[in-house]
Each structure stands twice: as structure tokens, then as C-alpha cells.
Amino acid sequence: MAGPDPEAFNNAKESERRIWADLKYRDDLPVLSNMELISRPSRRVFLELSGIRAICSGRRAGQVKPLGMGEVAMVRTEDKEHEWLEAREALQLKIPGEVVCRAR
């Protein structure tokens, strides 16, 4: 795959798919300062809506710590229309899934 073309991404094999991200800076400092993997290949972390609601509202859900101010969590769902969502979006759409990572 040569670049961030959505059609090429959808048609690519699973092993060739990459996520392209542009880094954002404010006052010459990166906006994204830390990223942490939650779900690992050896230990997948799936949360129902109650668990996603808990981490979004400042409570722990199992081994997943609550989200802090300005922090987001990415959720991978089974829904093909909304495969990747931010945790608050998944909660709003009422779609549970695998909590992959968190970023601040």
C-alpha cells in the first residue's frame, strides 16, 4: 500500500493494512504525549456497555483504569459500519467491543 487511500485500505489484505496518523502540535509540543496498549494479543480486553460506561465516567472496569481528563480509549467493535470508535462514541451508539488502547 502506497499511502492513506481509504479504498486501498478496505481492499488490502489484513497483513497489509496500516493506520496512518498525522501528528498534531500545539505551541511546538505534540498534542499526543502518551499511548498505552490495553488489549494485547495474549490478553484481549472486551468490555460490555457497563464497562465502557465505567471507564468513561471515572471508574475502573476490571483491570482497565478509568480515563483521565483529555484521555481517549479506542474500541474495536464487531459492527462493520463502526469498526473503530472512541469509547464515548461506542457508549453513545451502544456498541460494546475490545478496548485496544488509550491515548493522552
C-alpha atoms as a PDB file:
ATOM      1  CA  MET A   1       0.000   0.000   0.000  1.00  0.00           C
ATOM      2  CA  ALA A   2       1.492   3.308  -1.072  1.00  0.00           C
ATOM      3  CA  GLY A   3      -0.435   5.818   1.060  1.00  0.00           C
ATOM      4  CA  PRO A   4      -3.511   6.644   3.071  1.00  0.00           C
ATOM      5  CA  ASP A   5      -6.142   5.805   0.444  1.00  0.00           C
ATOM      6  CA  PRO A   6      -9.372   4.589   2.127  1.00  0.00           C
ATOM      7  CA  GLU A   7     -10.394   2.403  -0.814  1.00  0.00           C
ATOM      8  CA  ALA A   8      -6.984   0.719  -0.945  1.00  0.00           C
ATOM      9  CA  PHE A   9      -7.152   0.158   2.819  1.00  0.00           C
ATOM     10  CA  ASN A  10     -10.557  -1.551   2.594  1.00  0.00           C
ATOM     11  CA  ASN A  11      -9.411  -3.792  -0.264  1.00  0.00           C
ATOM     12  CA  ALA A  12      -6.000  -4.676   1.208  1.00  0.00           C
ATOM     13  CA  LYS A  13      -5.234  -7.988   2.875  1.00  0.00           C
ATOM     14  CA  GLU A  14      -5.306  -7.989   6.692  1.00  0.00           C
ATOM     15  CA  SER A  15      -1.494  -8.260   6.862  1.00  0.00           C
ATOM     16  CA  GLU A  16      -1.035  -5.182   4.640  1.00  0.00           C
ATOM     17  CA  ARG A  17      -3.407  -2.840   6.489  1.00  0.00           C
ATOM     18  CA  ARG A  18      -1.837   0.112   8.262  1.00  0.00           C
ATOM     19  CA  ILE A  19      -3.365   3.024  10.152  1.00  0.00           C
ATOM     20  CA  TRP A  20      -1.991   6.394   9.041  1.00  0.00           C
ATOM     21  CA  ALA A  21      -1.973   9.199  11.575  1.00  0.00           C
ATOM     22  CA  ASP A  22      -0.836  12.799  11.293  1.00  0.00           C
ATOM     23  CA  LEU A  23       0.721  14.211  14.432  1.00  0.00           C
ATOM     24  CA  LYS A  24      -0.758  17.431  15.770  1.00  0.00           C
ATOM     25  CA  TYR A  25       1.345  20.060  17.540  1.00  0.00           C
ATOM     26  CA  ARG A  26       0.330  22.996  19.745  1.00  0.00           C
ATOM     27  CA  ASP A  27       2.985  25.548  20.785  1.00  0.00           C
ATOM     28  CA  ASP A  28       5.651  23.258  19.261  1.00  0.00           C
ATOM     29  CA  LEU A  29       4.683  20.437  21.652  1.00  0.00           C
ATOM     30  CA  PRO A  30       2.994  17.227  20.466  1.00  0.00           C
ATOM     31  CA  VAL A  31      -0.691  17.012  21.406  1.00  0.00           C
ATOM     32  CA  LEU A  32      -0.405  13.221  21.755  1.00  0.00           C
ATOM     33  CA  SER A  33       2.018  12.704  24.639  1.00  0.00           C
ATOM     34  CA  ASN A  34       1.394   9.096  25.673  1.00  0.00           C
ATOM     35  CA  MET A  35      -0.217   5.998  24.190  1.00  0.00           C
ATOM     36  CA  GLU A  36      -0.727   2.744  26.065  1.00  0.00           C
ATOM     37  CA  LEU A  37      -1.850  -0.652  24.802  1.00  0.00           C
ATOM     38  CA  ILE A  38      -4.736  -2.112  26.827  1.00  0.00           C
ATOM     39  CA  SER A  39      -5.667  -5.224  24.847  1.00  0.00           C
ATOM     40  CA  ARG A  40      -2.728  -7.429  23.904  1.00  0.00           C
ATOM     41  CA  PRO A  41      -2.561 -10.491  21.653  1.00  0.00           C
ATOM     42  CA  SER A  42      -2.022 -12.656  24.746  1.00  0.00           C
ATOM     43  CA  ARG A  43      -4.779 -10.925  26.782  1.00  0.00           C
ATOM     44  CA  ARG A  44      -7.700  -9.435  24.888  1.00  0.00           C
ATOM     45  CA  VAL A  45      -9.860  -6.964  26.821  1.00  0.00           C
ATOM     46  CA  PHE A  46     -13.517  -6.928  25.788  1.00  0.00           C
ATOM     47  CA  LEU A  47     -15.965  -4.662  27.608  1.00  0.00           C
ATOM     48  CA  GLU A  48     -19.738  -4.600  27.616  1.00  0.00           C
ATOM     49  CA  LEU A  49     -21.518  -1.251  27.709  1.00  0.00           C
ATOM     50  CA  SER A  50     -21.438  -1.192  31.515  1.00  0.00           C
ATOM     51  CA  GLY A  51     -17.622  -1.490  31.453  1.00  0.00           C
ATOM     52  CA  ILE A  52     -17.226   1.192  28.784  1.00  0.00           C
ATOM     53  CA  ARG A  53     -19.581   3.441  30.775  1.00  0.00           C
ATOM     54  CA  ALA A  54     -17.471   2.833  33.898  1.00  0.00           C
ATOM     55  CA  ILE A  55     -14.127   3.840  32.352  1.00  0.00           C
ATOM     56  CA  CYS A  56     -15.702   6.883  30.673  1.00  0.00           C
ATOM     57  CA  SER A  57     -17.233   8.091  33.933  1.00  0.00           C
ATOM     58  CA  GLY A  58     -14.096   7.733  36.057  1.00  0.00           C
ATOM     59  CA  ARG A  59     -14.494   4.221  37.483  1.00  0.00           C
ATOM     60  CA  ARG A  60     -12.367   1.122  36.972  1.00  0.00           C
ATOM     61  CA  ALA A  61     -13.721  -1.748  34.846  1.00  0.00           C
ATOM     62  CA  GLY A  62     -11.864  -4.925  35.783  1.00  0.00           C
ATOM     63  CA  GLN A  63      -8.178  -4.305  35.059  1.00  0.00           C
ATOM     64  CA  VAL A  64      -8.861  -1.209  32.910  1.00  0.00           C
ATOM     65  CA  LYS A  65      -8.141   2.064  34.723  1.00  0.00           C
ATOM     66  CA  PRO A  66     -10.591   4.953  34.265  1.00  0.00           C
ATOM     67  CA  LEU A  67      -9.973   7.577  31.592  1.00  0.00           C
ATOM     68  CA  GLY A  68      -8.461  10.822  32.818  1.00  0.00           C
ATOM     69  CA  MET A  69      -9.070  14.371  31.617  1.00  0.00           C
ATOM     70  CA  GLY A  70      -8.247  14.697  27.922  1.00  0.00           C
ATOM     71  CA  GLU A  71      -7.701  10.952  27.552  1.00  0.00           C
ATOM     72  CA  VAL A  72      -9.399   8.729  24.954  1.00  0.00           C
ATOM     73  CA  ALA A  73      -9.734   4.973  24.516  1.00  0.00           C
ATOM     74  CA  MET A  74     -10.132   3.244  21.157  1.00  0.00           C
ATOM     75  CA  VAL A  75     -12.712   0.450  20.891  1.00  0.00           C
ATOM     76  CA  ARG A  76     -12.806  -2.113  18.091  1.00  0.00           C
ATOM     77  CA  THR A  77     -16.335  -3.404  17.541  1.00  0.00           C
ATOM     78  CA  GLU A  78     -17.935  -6.228  15.580  1.00  0.00           C
ATOM     79  CA  ASP A  79     -20.082  -3.688  13.693  1.00  0.00           C
ATOM     80  CA  LYS A  80     -18.588  -3.293  10.185  1.00  0.00           C
ATOM     81  CA  GLU A  81     -20.085   0.194   9.769  1.00  0.00           C
ATOM     82  CA  HIS A  82     -18.484   1.407  13.021  1.00  0.00           C
ATOM     83  CA  GLU A  83     -15.451  -0.868  13.363  1.00  0.00           C
ATOM     84  CA  TRP A  84     -13.204   1.621  15.221  1.00  0.00           C
ATOM     85  CA  LEU A  85     -14.722   4.058  17.719  1.00  0.00           C
ATOM     86  CA  GLU A  86     -13.614   6.237  20.572  1.00  0.00           C
ATOM     87  CA  ALA A  87     -15.015   4.849  23.854  1.00  0.00           C
ATOM     88  CA  ARG A  88     -17.509   7.702  24.299  1.00  0.00           C
ATOM     89  CA  GLU A  89     -18.801   7.190  20.746  1.00  0.00           C
ATOM     90  CA  ALA A  90     -19.186   3.449  21.356  1.00  0.00           C
ATOM     91  CA  LEU A  91     -21.149   4.228  24.508  1.00  0.00           C
ATOM     92  CA  GLN A  92     -23.354   6.722  22.655  1.00  0.00           C
ATOM     93  CA  LEU A  93     -24.045   4.212  19.845  1.00  0.00           C
ATOM     94  CA  LYS A  94     -24.471   1.387  22.416  1.00  0.00           C
ATOM     95  CA  ILE A  95     -21.869  -0.858  20.769  1.00  0.00           C
ATOM     96  CA  PRO A  96     -19.607  -2.986  23.045  1.00  0.00           C
ATOM     97  CA  GLY A  97     -16.188  -4.175  21.906  1.00  0.00           C
ATOM     98  CA  GLU A  98     -12.478  -4.708  22.504  1.00  0.00           C
ATOM     99  CA  VAL A  99     -10.689  -1.804  24.226  1.00  0.00           C
ATOM    100  CA  VAL A 100      -7.464  -1.672  22.242  1.00  0.00           C
ATOM    101  CA  CYS A 101      -5.536   1.365  23.519  1.00  0.00           C
ATOM    102  CA  ARG A 102      -5.702   4.658  25.372  1.00  0.00           C
ATOM    103  CA  ALA A 103      -4.055   7.964  24.465  1.00  0.00           C
ATOM    104  CA  ARG A 104      -3.484  11.297  26.159  1.00  0.00           C
END
